[in-house]
Amino acid sequence: MIGLCFEGETTCSSCGKPLPMNALVETIVCSECLCENKFSPKEWKKLISDMFTAGPTYSENEGTPSTIMGARIYKILYGRQNPKFLDTKTYMDEEDIEIYATQGKIINPKSQIAYSIRPVPENFKEVCPNVSYLIGEDFTLLSKYDGDSAVFNSKPQGELIPFTCPTCAGALQIDGSERTLKCQFCGNESFIPDLTWQKIHPVKTKHRFYFWFDEKSVKFEWDSDLYDLVAGDDGTFYLSLEPIFGSDDELWIIALNPDLTTKWKRNNLKFKTATSGGEAKLGLSPNKELILWSGDRNSILLLSTEDGSEIKRIGKKREESEQTEFPIMDFTQCRHLAVDIDGNYFALVDRDKKNSDNSSYYEFLVINQDGILQKPWGLGDVENKGFFGAIKNLFSGVEPIPYFEDIYNKVTRIKDYDIKISVGKDGSYFFHSYRLFAKYNHEGKFIYMNELKEGRISHKIHGDKEGNAFYLFESNTQSKTTLVKVSPDGKNTSVVIKNVIDGGSLCKEDMLAISSNGIYYCAGYNGRLRIFDANFNVLYVSKNSKEDEEESIAEIKERED
């Protein structure tokens, strides 16, 4: 369980004075004019729904201010913070929360001040999913408090204030229930002056109260760009995200359990990226390491898949000189990269190489787990720069350098640079560039090349243990995505999941991840996610993906009508 804190304020609909929202209630009486201000559960939902989505992803004591416009203007703040006694700024004991929940109050042991605690009322249960208790609300906005302790931020009820009738000087007492008072002696009605009224009704200030929230039962959602995703064999999958809900972080890496609850979250990774296309990409090694890389960074970052802790960084520091026997990879030269089944990295690298005709070319290279460059297909090491290395490179340049459409067995150099690489579960390599994609076996034998018609591959190609290839295909003629399967020999291509436009189950999802046990994750920006089993049956559809589907179906019906 975690605490989610809320502070809210609007203005009175009658007098326009500030109106603190210090409890989850449908009626708040203005302390200035005694006007009843109504707030339906539907209105409250607009204010707190994001808190339940964003709050569990925050660190303790992290929050977000917000202004919400509508029939009223609301200024709110919500965040993640375990409940505190606000008078002493000390945390409440979690065991005490459960113990005192049935008593309606929890006592600060240091000051003996009482704070409210209650279950979520029936009319707000739909608005507050997975919330057990409301803690620290203003008692004066709730049912009458009959305890013998002082209460936080409220005035004892029933206190009478002496008042002199301005007409007959009769001694009266007022309870503050009405702004006018009829004298029991002369019958004259008097208006209670502002100073006297404010003694009875001191101006309230906003203060935070808490939602005691079961974060482990909440499916993670995001409201930002998705940079990459990968799926582990244990049902965990990992997201590289633009920071969400107004966070100041540079990057979020999220690990999700099979039930889509958050396993762990990492921010503050010191992995800032700056360029378009330089967003942080992900890979999984056979050593239970999550690989984080970007062409904007000169090293890659390895995180533990268990808890997200940093294991190490691999790569070349800019201040290092080139005195090693073999070159260390500077990952800013990396055009694309994939984690191989042996834990090494297969990459397309731009080392500013020139052909004999002074035209640029790019290299397929293997980067071992120490960051040292090697040639692919078992062709040996890559020598460091130097006189003898330059001579050797000069006389070894007999291999023709092809464009992508002309690649051959054990290709090591290529003239095209916009090539994406992926490694299948069986060790096959897949390369794709624009309308073409090719497959190699693990020893470097060219298997096939296919050409796409009227569309492109979205994200990257995935290969299963049987050698089949899968990719999301985006049509040029229609704004729709389908999941395509290609046989191991490349001769048979079929659509295994159609788009909703054609009666299928995909919509605007544009990234794909596949686990070894055949679970397909199709995701996209702003929380779009669909999960399918090995037979392509739907297991899960997120809220935003469902809304996309409903909109697409509605558009189809509208065109038909």
Protein backbone atom coordinates (compact mmCIF):
# COMPACT_ATOMS: atom_id res chain seq x y z
CA MET A 1 0.00 0.00 0.00
CA ILE A 2 1.14 3.57 -0.69
CA GLY A 3 -0.17 7.03 0.11
CA LEU A 4 -1.37 9.39 -2.60
CA CYS A 5 -1.76 12.97 -1.41
CA PHE A 6 -4.16 15.58 -2.77
CA GLU A 7 -4.53 19.33 -2.31
CA GLY A 8 -7.29 21.21 -4.07
CA GLU A 9 -8.83 24.65 -4.23
CA THR A 10 -11.44 26.41 -6.32
CA THR A 11 -13.70 29.44 -5.76
CA CYS A 12 -17.12 29.70 -4.20
CA SER A 13 -19.87 29.79 -6.82
CA SER A 14 -21.65 32.52 -4.81
CA CYS A 15 -19.08 34.95 -3.39
CA GLY A 16 -16.04 34.03 -5.49
CA LYS A 17 -13.77 33.64 -2.46
CA PRO A 18 -11.23 30.78 -2.30
CA LEU A 19 -12.83 27.45 -1.45
CA PRO A 20 -10.47 24.75 -0.15
CA MET A 21 -11.37 21.18 -1.06
CA ASN A 22 -10.17 19.45 2.07
CA ALA A 23 -12.30 16.30 1.88
CA LEU A 24 -13.76 13.98 -0.72
CA VAL A 25 -17.38 15.11 -0.31
CA GLU A 26 -20.22 16.22 -2.54
CA THR A 27 -20.96 19.42 -0.60
CA ILE A 28 -18.51 22.03 0.68
CA VAL A 29 -19.92 25.03 2.53
CA CYS A 30 -18.13 28.32 1.94
CA SER A 31 -16.81 29.73 5.24
CA GLU A 32 -17.37 33.26 3.94
CA CYS A 33 -20.98 33.21 2.74
CA LEU A 34 -22.24 29.77 3.85
CA CYS A 35 -23.18 28.91 0.28
CA GLU A 36 -23.29 25.18 -0.41
CA ASN A 37 -20.99 24.27 -3.31
CA LYS A 38 -21.78 20.96 -4.99
CA PHE A 39 -19.16 18.56 -6.38
CA SER A 40 -20.49 15.35 -7.88
CA PRO A 41 -18.40 12.15 -8.02
CA LYS A 42 -18.16 12.76 -11.76
CA GLU A 43 -16.63 16.20 -11.11
CA TRP A 44 -14.19 14.76 -8.59
CA LYS A 45 -13.15 12.11 -11.09
CA LYS A 46 -11.83 14.84 -13.40
CA LEU A 47 -9.59 16.03 -10.59
CA ILE A 48 -8.21 12.77 -9.21
CA SER A 49 -8.26 10.17 -12.01
CA ASP A 50 -4.75 11.07 -13.22
CA MET A 51 -3.49 10.78 -9.64
CA PHE A 52 -4.29 7.07 -9.58
CA THR A 53 -2.47 6.53 -12.87
CA ALA A 54 0.57 8.74 -12.33
CA GLY A 55 0.98 8.62 -8.57
CA PRO A 56 2.16 5.00 -8.30
CA THR A 57 4.96 5.74 -10.79
CA TYR A 58 6.31 8.64 -8.72
CA SER A 59 9.05 8.44 -6.14
CA GLU A 60 8.11 9.15 -2.52
CA ASN A 61 7.44 12.90 -1.99
CA GLU A 62 7.24 13.54 -5.75
CA GLY A 63 4.18 15.38 -7.04
CA THR A 64 2.62 17.42 -9.83
CA PRO A 65 0.71 20.73 -9.66
CA SER A 66 -2.06 21.30 -12.17
CA THR A 67 -4.77 23.76 -13.17
CA ILE A 68 -7.99 22.27 -14.51
CA MET A 69 -10.45 24.42 -16.44
CA GLY A 70 -14.15 23.73 -16.74
CA ALA A 71 -17.30 24.97 -15.08
CA ARG A 72 -14.88 25.97 -12.33
CA ILE A 73 -11.15 26.62 -12.24
CA TYR A 74 -9.38 24.13 -10.00
CA LYS A 75 -5.84 24.44 -8.70
CA ILE A 76 -4.67 21.05 -7.50
CA LEU A 77 -1.56 19.20 -6.49
CA TYR A 78 -1.25 15.44 -6.26
CA GLY A 79 1.64 13.11 -5.66
CA ARG A 80 3.02 10.13 -3.85
CA GLN A 81 3.49 10.53 -0.11
CA ASN A 82 2.68 8.24 2.76
CA PRO A 83 0.18 9.86 5.15
CA LYS A 84 1.63 12.44 7.52
CA PHE A 85 0.50 14.15 10.71
CA LEU A 86 0.58 17.66 9.32
CA ASP A 87 0.96 19.37 12.70
CA THR A 88 4.25 17.59 13.47
CA LYS A 89 5.17 16.60 9.90
CA THR A 90 5.75 13.01 10.97
CA TYR A 91 4.61 9.89 9.13
CA MET A 92 1.69 7.82 10.33
CA ASP A 93 2.45 4.24 11.24
CA GLU A 94 1.12 1.90 8.55
CA GLU A 95 -0.07 -0.63 11.11
CA ASP A 96 -1.95 2.12 12.97
CA ILE A 97 -3.77 3.01 9.77
CA GLU A 98 -5.30 -0.46 9.65
CA ILE A 99 -5.97 -0.53 13.41
CA TYR A 100 -7.72 2.85 13.64
CA ALA A 101 -9.57 2.64 10.32
CA THR A 102 -12.76 1.41 12.01
CA GLN A 103 -12.64 4.14 14.67
CA GLY A 104 -12.90 7.09 12.31
CA LYS A 105 -9.82 8.81 13.69
CA ILE A 106 -6.10 8.26 14.12
CA ILE A 107 -4.31 10.08 16.96
CA ASN A 108 -0.92 11.73 16.58
CA PRO A 109 1.02 10.25 19.53
CA LYS A 110 3.21 13.35 19.77
CA SER A 111 0.44 15.97 19.95
CA GLN A 112 -2.73 13.97 20.68
CA ILE A 113 -4.36 15.69 17.69
CA ALA A 114 -6.94 13.55 15.91
CA TYR A 115 -6.96 13.02 12.15
CA SER A 116 -9.84 11.56 10.20
CA ILE A 117 -9.71 8.12 8.63
CA ARG A 118 -12.63 6.40 6.90
CA PRO A 119 -13.35 3.87 4.16
CA VAL A 120 -14.21 5.27 0.75
CA PRO A 121 -17.95 6.07 0.84
CA GLU A 122 -20.20 4.10 -1.48
CA ASN A 123 -20.88 7.02 -3.82
CA PHE A 124 -17.15 7.48 -4.48
CA LYS A 125 -16.00 3.86 -4.83
CA GLU A 126 -16.14 3.95 -8.62
CA VAL A 127 -14.14 7.19 -8.60
CA CYS A 128 -11.47 5.75 -6.27
CA PRO A 129 -10.43 2.34 -7.59
CA ASN A 130 -8.10 0.36 -5.33
CA VAL A 131 -8.38 2.91 -2.49
CA SER A 132 -8.96 1.44 0.98
CA TYR A 133 -9.14 4.57 3.15
CA LEU A 134 -9.29 8.35 3.05
CA ILE A 135 -7.00 9.89 5.65
CA GLY A 136 -6.60 13.40 7.05
CA GLU A 137 -9.74 15.01 5.62
CA ASP A 138 -11.19 18.08 7.35
CA PHE A 139 -13.50 16.79 10.08
CA THR A 140 -15.83 19.78 9.67
CA LEU A 141 -16.68 18.58 6.17
CA LEU A 142 -17.56 15.10 7.38
CA SER A 143 -20.10 13.72 9.81
CA LYS A 144 -19.99 15.23 13.30
CA TYR A 145 -16.93 14.26 15.31
CA ASP A 146 -17.87 13.29 18.88
CA GLY A 147 -14.44 12.32 20.17
CA ASP A 148 -12.69 13.89 23.12
CA SER A 149 -9.53 14.88 21.22
CA ALA A 150 -8.85 18.12 19.45
CA VAL A 151 -9.08 17.70 15.69
CA PHE A 152 -6.78 19.00 13.00
CA ASN A 153 -7.82 22.16 11.13
CA SER A 154 -11.37 22.36 12.43
CA LYS A 155 -13.29 24.43 14.96
CA PRO A 156 -15.23 22.68 17.74
CA GLN A 157 -18.90 22.59 16.89
CA GLY A 158 -21.62 24.30 18.93
CA GLU A 159 -19.48 27.12 20.42
CA LEU A 160 -21.58 30.24 21.17
CA ILE A 161 -20.23 33.79 20.69
CA PRO A 162 -21.62 36.73 22.79
CA PHE A 163 -23.24 39.51 20.76
CA THR A 164 -24.95 42.79 21.72
CA CYS A 165 -28.15 43.81 19.94
CA PRO A 166 -27.40 47.16 18.23
CA THR A 167 -31.01 48.32 18.86
CA CYS A 168 -31.76 47.49 22.50
CA ALA A 169 -28.30 46.45 23.77
CA GLY A 170 -29.68 43.09 24.79
CA ALA A 171 -27.12 40.37 25.48
CA LEU A 172 -27.39 37.70 22.82
CA GLN A 173 -25.45 34.64 21.76
CA ILE A 174 -24.88 33.52 18.20
CA ASP A 175 -23.96 30.07 16.91
CA GLY A 176 -23.00 31.06 13.38
CA SER A 177 -25.74 29.12 11.65
CA GLU A 178 -27.15 32.27 9.96
CA ARG A 179 -25.73 35.65 8.97
CA THR A 180 -28.74 37.52 10.48
CA LEU A 181 -29.93 37.30 14.07
CA LYS A 182 -33.36 38.18 15.51
CA CYS A 183 -33.18 39.80 18.97
CA GLN A 184 -35.19 37.87 21.55
CA PHE A 185 -35.83 41.11 23.47
CA CYS A 186 -36.85 43.70 20.88
CA GLY A 187 -37.49 41.51 17.86
CA ASN A 188 -35.12 43.47 15.63
CA GLU A 189 -33.11 41.55 13.01
CA SER A 190 -29.43 42.43 12.91
CA PHE A 191 -26.74 41.63 10.38
CA ILE A 192 -23.71 40.06 12.02
CA PRO A 193 -20.62 42.23 11.33
CA ASP A 194 -17.72 40.78 9.34
CA LEU A 195 -15.27 40.72 12.26
CA THR A 196 -17.69 38.77 14.45
CA TRP A 197 -18.60 36.45 11.61
CA GLN A 198 -14.94 35.67 10.91
CA LYS A 199 -14.43 34.72 14.56
CA ILE A 200 -17.12 32.08 14.14
CA HIS A 201 -16.05 31.12 10.62
CA PRO A 202 -12.29 31.63 10.28
CA VAL A 203 -11.07 31.56 6.70
CA LYS A 204 -10.14 28.01 5.82
CA THR A 205 -6.89 27.19 4.08
CA LYS A 206 -6.32 24.20 1.89
CA HIS A 207 -4.46 21.24 3.32
CA ARG A 208 -3.63 17.87 1.89
CA PHE A 209 -5.39 14.67 2.63
CA TYR A 210 -4.51 11.14 1.58
CA PHE A 211 -5.78 8.16 -0.37
CA TRP A 212 -4.49 4.83 1.01
CA PHE A 213 -3.90 3.07 -2.29
CA ASP A 214 -3.13 -0.51 -3.35
CA GLU A 215 -0.60 0.16 -6.10
CA LYS A 216 0.12 -3.52 -6.74
CA SER A 217 -3.31 -4.05 -8.25
CA VAL A 218 -3.05 -1.20 -10.79
CA LYS A 219 -2.11 -1.77 -14.41
CA PHE A 220 0.51 0.69 -15.62
CA GLU A 221 -0.52 3.18 -18.29
CA TRP A 222 1.52 5.87 -20.00
CA ASP A 223 0.54 9.15 -21.60
CA SER A 224 3.64 9.89 -23.64
CA ASP A 225 5.83 8.66 -26.48
CA LEU A 226 7.02 5.07 -26.46
CA TYR A 227 10.63 4.75 -27.63
CA ASP A 228 11.01 0.98 -27.51
CA LEU A 229 9.84 -2.23 -25.84
CA VAL A 230 11.18 -5.76 -25.36
CA ALA A 231 9.65 -8.88 -23.84
CA GLY A 232 11.32 -11.30 -21.44
CA ASP A 233 10.67 -15.02 -21.33
CA ASP A 234 9.27 -14.84 -17.78
CA GLY A 235 6.33 -12.67 -18.85
CA THR A 236 7.97 -9.40 -17.85
CA PHE A 237 8.23 -6.76 -20.51
CA TYR A 238 10.12 -3.51 -20.57
CA LEU A 239 9.33 -0.02 -21.88
CA SER A 240 11.53 2.92 -22.79
CA LEU A 241 9.33 5.99 -22.40
CA GLU A 242 9.29 9.72 -22.65
CA PRO A 243 8.69 10.87 -19.05
CA ILE A 244 4.97 11.15 -18.41
CA PHE A 245 2.46 13.33 -16.59
CA GLY A 246 4.64 16.44 -16.40
CA SER A 247 7.71 14.78 -14.90
CA ASP A 248 11.04 16.60 -15.17
CA ASP A 249 12.93 13.35 -15.77
CA GLU A 250 14.80 12.78 -19.03
CA LEU A 251 13.83 9.15 -19.50
CA TRP A 252 11.78 6.41 -17.88
CA ILE A 253 12.54 2.69 -18.07
CA ILE A 254 9.62 0.62 -16.79
CA ALA A 255 9.47 -3.12 -16.10
CA LEU A 256 5.95 -4.57 -16.07
CA ASN A 257 4.83 -7.85 -14.54
CA PRO A 258 2.67 -10.24 -16.61
CA ASP A 259 -0.44 -8.69 -15.03
CA LEU A 260 0.78 -5.24 -16.23
CA THR A 261 1.50 -3.94 -12.75
CA THR A 262 4.79 -2.14 -12.25
CA LYS A 263 7.72 -4.36 -11.29
CA TRP A 264 10.16 -1.46 -11.13
CA LYS A 265 10.80 1.98 -12.60
CA ARG A 266 14.10 3.77 -13.26
CA ASN A 267 14.59 7.45 -13.83
CA ASN A 268 17.59 9.73 -13.25
CA LEU A 269 19.72 7.32 -15.27
CA LYS A 270 22.12 9.95 -16.63
CA PHE A 271 21.31 8.76 -20.11
CA LYS A 272 20.19 11.97 -21.78
CA THR A 273 19.46 11.88 -25.50
CA ALA A 274 19.03 14.92 -27.68
CA THR A 275 18.51 14.13 -31.36
CA SER A 276 15.50 12.88 -33.26
CA GLY A 277 16.03 9.16 -33.68
CA GLY A 278 18.43 9.08 -30.76
CA GLU A 279 15.80 7.90 -28.30
CA ALA A 280 16.84 5.19 -25.88
CA LYS A 281 16.44 1.70 -27.36
CA LEU A 282 16.25 -1.59 -25.47
CA GLY A 283 17.60 -5.12 -25.74
CA LEU A 284 17.69 -8.21 -23.53
CA SER A 285 20.80 -10.31 -23.01
CA PRO A 286 20.82 -14.02 -22.08
CA ASN A 287 22.46 -12.92 -18.80
CA LYS A 288 19.25 -11.31 -17.47
CA GLU A 289 20.50 -7.84 -18.36
CA LEU A 290 18.43 -5.07 -19.91
CA ILE A 291 20.50 -3.19 -22.48
CA LEU A 292 19.94 0.53 -22.97
CA TRP A 293 21.57 2.20 -25.98
CA SER A 294 21.32 5.32 -28.12
CA GLY A 295 23.28 6.82 -30.98
CA ASP A 296 23.51 9.95 -28.81
CA ARG A 297 25.53 8.13 -26.14
CA ASN A 298 29.12 6.87 -26.39
CA SER A 299 28.41 3.93 -24.07
CA ILE A 300 25.56 1.52 -23.41
CA LEU A 301 23.97 0.94 -20.02
CA LEU A 302 23.22 -2.48 -18.53
CA LEU A 303 20.44 -2.76 -15.93
CA SER A 304 19.37 -5.72 -13.83
CA THR A 305 16.09 -7.20 -15.03
CA GLU A 306 15.29 -8.08 -11.40
CA ASP A 307 15.24 -4.60 -9.88
CA GLY A 308 16.50 -2.14 -12.50
CA SER A 309 19.76 -1.47 -10.68
CA GLU A 310 22.72 -0.39 -12.79
CA ILE A 311 25.20 -3.19 -13.53
CA LYS A 312 27.78 -1.38 -15.65
CA ARG A 313 28.37 0.79 -18.70
CA ILE A 314 30.21 -0.46 -21.77
CA GLY A 315 31.88 1.76 -24.32
CA LYS A 316 34.48 4.38 -24.96
CA LYS A 317 34.84 7.47 -22.82
CA ARG A 318 35.52 10.54 -24.91
CA GLU A 319 38.61 11.47 -22.93
CA GLU A 320 40.26 8.05 -23.49
CA SER A 321 43.18 7.87 -25.90
CA GLU A 322 43.43 5.09 -28.47
CA GLN A 323 46.35 3.16 -26.97
CA THR A 324 44.61 -0.21 -26.63
CA GLU A 325 45.49 -3.14 -28.89
CA PHE A 326 41.92 -3.35 -30.15
CA PRO A 327 39.45 -0.46 -30.48
CA ILE A 328 36.73 0.12 -27.86
CA MET A 329 33.35 0.95 -29.34
CA ASP A 330 32.14 4.54 -29.29
CA PHE A 331 28.41 3.94 -29.49
CA THR A 332 27.73 7.35 -31.04
CA GLN A 333 29.03 5.66 -34.22
CA CYS A 334 26.34 3.02 -33.98
CA ARG A 335 23.61 3.28 -36.62
CA HIS A 336 21.68 0.32 -35.20
CA LEU A 337 22.29 -2.47 -32.73
CA ALA A 338 20.79 -5.77 -31.59
CA VAL A 339 21.69 -8.09 -28.72
CA ASP A 340 22.90 -11.46 -30.02
CA ILE A 341 22.00 -14.82 -28.49
CA ASP A 342 25.55 -15.13 -27.08
CA GLY A 343 25.28 -11.81 -25.21
CA ASN A 344 27.44 -9.86 -27.67
CA TYR A 345 26.07 -7.03 -29.82
CA PHE A 346 25.64 -7.05 -33.60
CA ALA A 347 25.74 -3.53 -35.00
CA LEU A 348 25.89 -1.37 -38.09
CA VAL A 349 28.67 1.12 -37.40
CA ASP A 350 29.78 4.37 -39.02
CA ARG A 351 33.52 4.76 -38.39
CA ASP A 352 33.85 7.39 -41.12
CA LYS A 353 35.26 4.89 -43.61
CA LYS A 354 35.90 5.77 -47.25
CA ASN A 355 36.14 3.51 -50.28
CA SER A 356 38.80 3.83 -52.97
CA ASP A 357 36.47 6.20 -54.84
CA ASN A 358 36.15 8.30 -51.64
CA SER A 359 32.54 7.23 -51.07
CA SER A 360 31.42 6.45 -47.54
CA TYR A 361 30.55 2.96 -46.37
CA TYR A 362 29.37 1.36 -43.14
CA GLU A 363 30.43 -1.80 -41.34
CA PHE A 364 28.65 -4.72 -39.77
CA LEU A 365 30.58 -5.39 -36.57
CA VAL A 366 30.30 -7.44 -33.43
CA ILE A 367 30.87 -5.68 -30.10
CA ASN A 368 31.78 -8.06 -27.33
CA GLN A 369 30.72 -7.66 -23.70
CA ASP A 370 33.83 -5.60 -22.96
CA GLY A 371 33.03 -3.16 -25.76
CA ILE A 372 35.80 -4.43 -28.07
CA LEU A 373 35.08 -4.46 -31.80
CA GLN A 374 35.25 -7.70 -33.78
CA LYS A 375 34.39 -8.68 -37.32
CA PRO A 376 31.13 -10.60 -37.77
CA TRP A 377 30.69 -14.20 -38.88
CA GLY A 378 33.85 -15.29 -37.02
CA LEU A 379 36.16 -13.36 -39.35
CA GLY A 380 38.45 -12.18 -36.53
CA ASP A 381 39.34 -9.05 -34.61
CA VAL A 382 39.22 -5.45 -35.76
CA GLU A 383 42.71 -3.92 -35.46
CA ASN A 384 43.17 -0.54 -33.90
CA LYS A 385 44.21 2.43 -35.97
CA GLY A 386 47.87 2.81 -36.77
CA PHE A 387 50.33 2.45 -39.66
CA PHE A 388 50.24 -1.35 -39.94
CA GLY A 389 46.50 -1.46 -39.46
CA ALA A 390 46.05 1.09 -42.25
CA ILE A 391 48.29 -0.94 -44.61
CA LYS A 392 46.36 -4.12 -43.85
CA ASN A 393 43.03 -2.40 -44.41
CA LEU A 394 44.26 -1.01 -47.71
CA PHE A 395 45.14 -4.43 -49.11
CA SER A 396 42.08 -6.17 -47.65
CA GLY A 397 39.63 -3.97 -49.49
CA VAL A 398 39.03 -6.37 -52.36
CA GLU A 399 35.55 -7.31 -51.20
CA PRO A 400 32.99 -5.31 -53.21
CA ILE A 401 30.86 -2.96 -51.12
CA PRO A 402 27.21 -3.44 -52.06
CA TYR A 403 24.04 -1.50 -51.57
CA PHE A 404 21.45 -3.25 -49.46
CA GLU A 405 19.65 -4.82 -52.41
CA ASP A 406 22.86 -6.59 -53.49
CA ILE A 407 24.07 -8.04 -50.18
CA TYR A 408 25.55 -11.54 -50.12
CA ASN A 409 26.91 -14.20 -47.73
CA LYS A 410 28.92 -12.90 -44.77
CA VAL A 411 28.57 -9.28 -45.80
CA THR A 412 30.73 -6.98 -43.65
CA ARG A 413 30.47 -3.61 -45.42
CA ILE A 414 27.59 -1.77 -47.04
CA LYS A 415 26.87 1.59 -48.67
CA ASP A 416 23.43 2.07 -47.09
CA TYR A 417 23.21 3.40 -43.54
CA ASP A 418 19.49 3.31 -42.71
CA ILE A 419 19.35 -0.38 -41.80
CA LYS A 420 17.69 -1.86 -38.74
CA ILE A 421 18.98 -5.08 -37.22
CA SER A 422 17.28 -7.73 -35.10
CA VAL A 423 18.25 -11.19 -33.91
CA GLY A 424 15.70 -14.01 -33.85
CA LYS A 425 15.23 -16.48 -31.02
CA ASP A 426 17.03 -19.12 -33.14
CA GLY A 427 20.02 -16.84 -33.80
CA SER A 428 18.94 -15.71 -37.27
CA TYR A 429 19.73 -12.13 -38.28
CA PHE A 430 17.16 -9.85 -39.89
CA PHE A 431 18.05 -6.62 -41.66
CA HIS A 432 15.52 -4.23 -43.11
CA SER A 433 15.86 -0.99 -45.00
CA TYR A 434 12.86 0.86 -46.40
CA ARG A 435 10.92 -1.61 -48.59
CA LEU A 436 13.46 -4.48 -48.38
CA PHE A 437 14.28 -6.97 -45.63
CA ALA A 438 16.73 -9.87 -45.56
CA LYS A 439 17.49 -12.89 -43.41
CA TYR A 440 20.83 -14.51 -42.59
CA ASN A 441 21.55 -17.58 -40.51
CA HIS A 442 23.88 -17.31 -37.53
CA GLU A 443 26.93 -18.28 -39.59
CA GLY A 444 26.34 -15.49 -42.10
CA LYS A 445 24.65 -17.42 -44.91
CA PHE A 446 22.20 -15.33 -46.91
CA ILE A 447 18.74 -16.98 -46.73
CA TYR A 448 16.34 -14.63 -48.53
CA MET A 449 15.40 -11.06 -49.36
CA ASN A 450 11.79 -9.92 -49.64
CA GLU A 451 10.35 -6.69 -50.94
CA LEU A 452 7.38 -4.96 -49.35
CA LYS A 453 4.60 -3.65 -51.55
CA GLU A 454 2.71 -0.45 -50.69
CA GLY A 455 3.88 -0.17 -47.12
CA ARG A 456 6.67 -0.44 -44.61
CA ILE A 457 7.80 -2.36 -41.55
CA SER A 458 7.00 -0.50 -38.36
CA HIS A 459 9.56 -0.80 -35.56
CA LYS A 460 11.59 -3.98 -36.25
CA ILE A 461 11.44 -7.62 -37.32
CA HIS A 462 11.19 -10.41 -34.75
CA GLY A 463 12.12 -14.06 -35.26
CA ASP A 464 10.80 -17.02 -33.28
CA LYS A 465 12.55 -20.29 -32.37
CA GLU A 466 11.28 -21.97 -35.54
CA GLY A 467 12.81 -19.32 -37.80
CA ASN A 468 9.57 -17.51 -38.69
CA ALA A 469 9.71 -13.74 -38.97
CA PHE A 470 7.03 -11.38 -37.64
CA TYR A 471 6.58 -7.66 -38.15
CA LEU A 472 3.96 -4.94 -37.99
CA PHE A 473 3.14 -3.73 -41.48
CA GLU A 474 1.88 -0.18 -42.08
CA SER A 475 0.01 0.32 -45.33
CA ASN A 476 0.78 3.34 -47.51
CA THR A 477 -2.70 3.48 -48.98
CA GLN A 478 -4.68 2.99 -45.77
CA SER A 479 -3.88 4.16 -42.28
CA LYS A 480 -3.83 0.70 -40.75
CA THR A 481 -1.45 -1.79 -39.13
CA THR A 482 -1.40 -5.58 -39.45
CA LEU A 483 0.78 -8.32 -37.97
CA VAL A 484 2.55 -10.32 -40.68
CA LYS A 485 4.24 -13.73 -40.48
CA VAL A 486 6.96 -14.89 -42.92
CA SER A 487 7.98 -18.55 -43.21
CA PRO A 488 11.60 -19.59 -42.41
CA ASP A 489 12.52 -19.74 -46.10
CA GLY A 490 10.82 -16.41 -46.86
CA LYS A 491 8.52 -17.92 -49.49
CA ASN A 492 5.21 -17.65 -47.63
CA THR A 493 3.83 -14.45 -46.16
CA SER A 494 0.51 -14.19 -44.32
CA VAL A 495 -1.40 -11.70 -42.21
CA VAL A 496 -2.01 -13.30 -38.80
CA ILE A 497 -3.75 -10.34 -37.15
CA LYS A 498 -5.81 -7.98 -39.27
CA ASN A 499 -6.64 -4.38 -38.53
CA VAL A 500 -9.99 -3.51 -36.94
CA ILE A 501 -10.91 -1.86 -40.24
CA ASP A 502 -10.94 -5.35 -41.76
CA GLY A 503 -12.55 -7.04 -38.77
CA GLY A 504 -9.30 -7.77 -36.93
CA SER A 505 -7.80 -6.73 -33.60
CA LEU A 506 -5.05 -4.20 -34.38
CA CYS A 507 -5.46 -0.46 -34.71
CA LYS A 508 -2.82 2.26 -34.15
CA GLU A 509 -0.20 0.17 -32.36
CA ASP A 510 3.16 0.50 -34.13
CA MET A 511 5.72 -1.39 -32.00
CA LEU A 512 6.09 -5.13 -31.51
CA ALA A 513 7.73 -7.41 -28.96
CA ILE A 514 7.47 -11.21 -28.76
CA SER A 515 8.39 -13.48 -25.86
CA SER A 516 9.83 -16.97 -26.32
CA ASN A 517 6.58 -18.55 -25.18
CA GLY A 518 4.69 -16.82 -27.96
CA ILE A 519 3.09 -13.79 -26.32
CA TYR A 520 2.77 -10.85 -28.72
CA TYR A 521 2.89 -7.28 -27.38
CA CYS A 522 1.72 -4.59 -29.80
CA ALA A 523 2.11 -1.11 -28.36
CA GLY A 524 2.26 2.57 -29.24
CA TYR A 525 2.27 6.10 -27.89
CA ASN A 526 -0.13 7.32 -25.19
CA GLY A 527 -0.70 3.97 -23.55
CA ARG A 528 -1.74 1.96 -26.59
CA LEU A 529 -1.27 -1.74 -25.90
CA ARG A 530 -2.71 -5.01 -27.17
CA ILE A 531 -1.51 -8.42 -26.04
CA PHE A 532 -2.12 -11.67 -27.94
CA ASP A 533 -1.45 -15.31 -27.10
CA ALA A 534 0.42 -17.82 -29.27
CA ASN A 535 -2.74 -18.39 -31.32
CA PHE A 536 -3.23 -14.64 -31.81
CA ASN A 537 -6.23 -14.45 -29.50
CA VAL A 538 -6.67 -11.18 -27.64
CA LEU A 539 -5.51 -11.29 -24.02
CA TYR A 540 -5.64 -7.59 -23.19
CA VAL A 541 -6.59 -4.24 -24.74
CA SER A 542 -5.70 -0.96 -23.02
CA LYS A 543 -8.16 1.87 -22.60
CA ASN A 544 -6.64 4.06 -25.32
CA SER A 545 -6.39 1.16 -27.77
CA LYS A 546 -10.04 0.35 -27.10
CA GLU A 547 -10.98 3.97 -27.79
CA ASP A 548 -9.05 3.83 -31.09
CA GLU A 549 -10.98 0.71 -32.03
CA GLU A 550 -14.34 2.28 -31.22
CA GLU A 551 -13.49 5.40 -33.23
CA SER A 552 -12.39 3.33 -36.24
CA ILE A 553 -15.56 1.22 -36.15
CA ALA A 554 -17.69 4.36 -35.82
CA GLU A 555 -15.97 5.88 -38.87
CA ILE A 556 -16.64 2.73 -40.88
CA LYS A 557 -20.33 2.78 -39.96
CA GLU A 558 -20.54 6.48 -40.79
CA ARG A 559 -19.09 5.87 -44.27
CA GLU A 560 -21.46 2.96 -44.82
CA ASP A 561 -24.44 5.11 -43.87
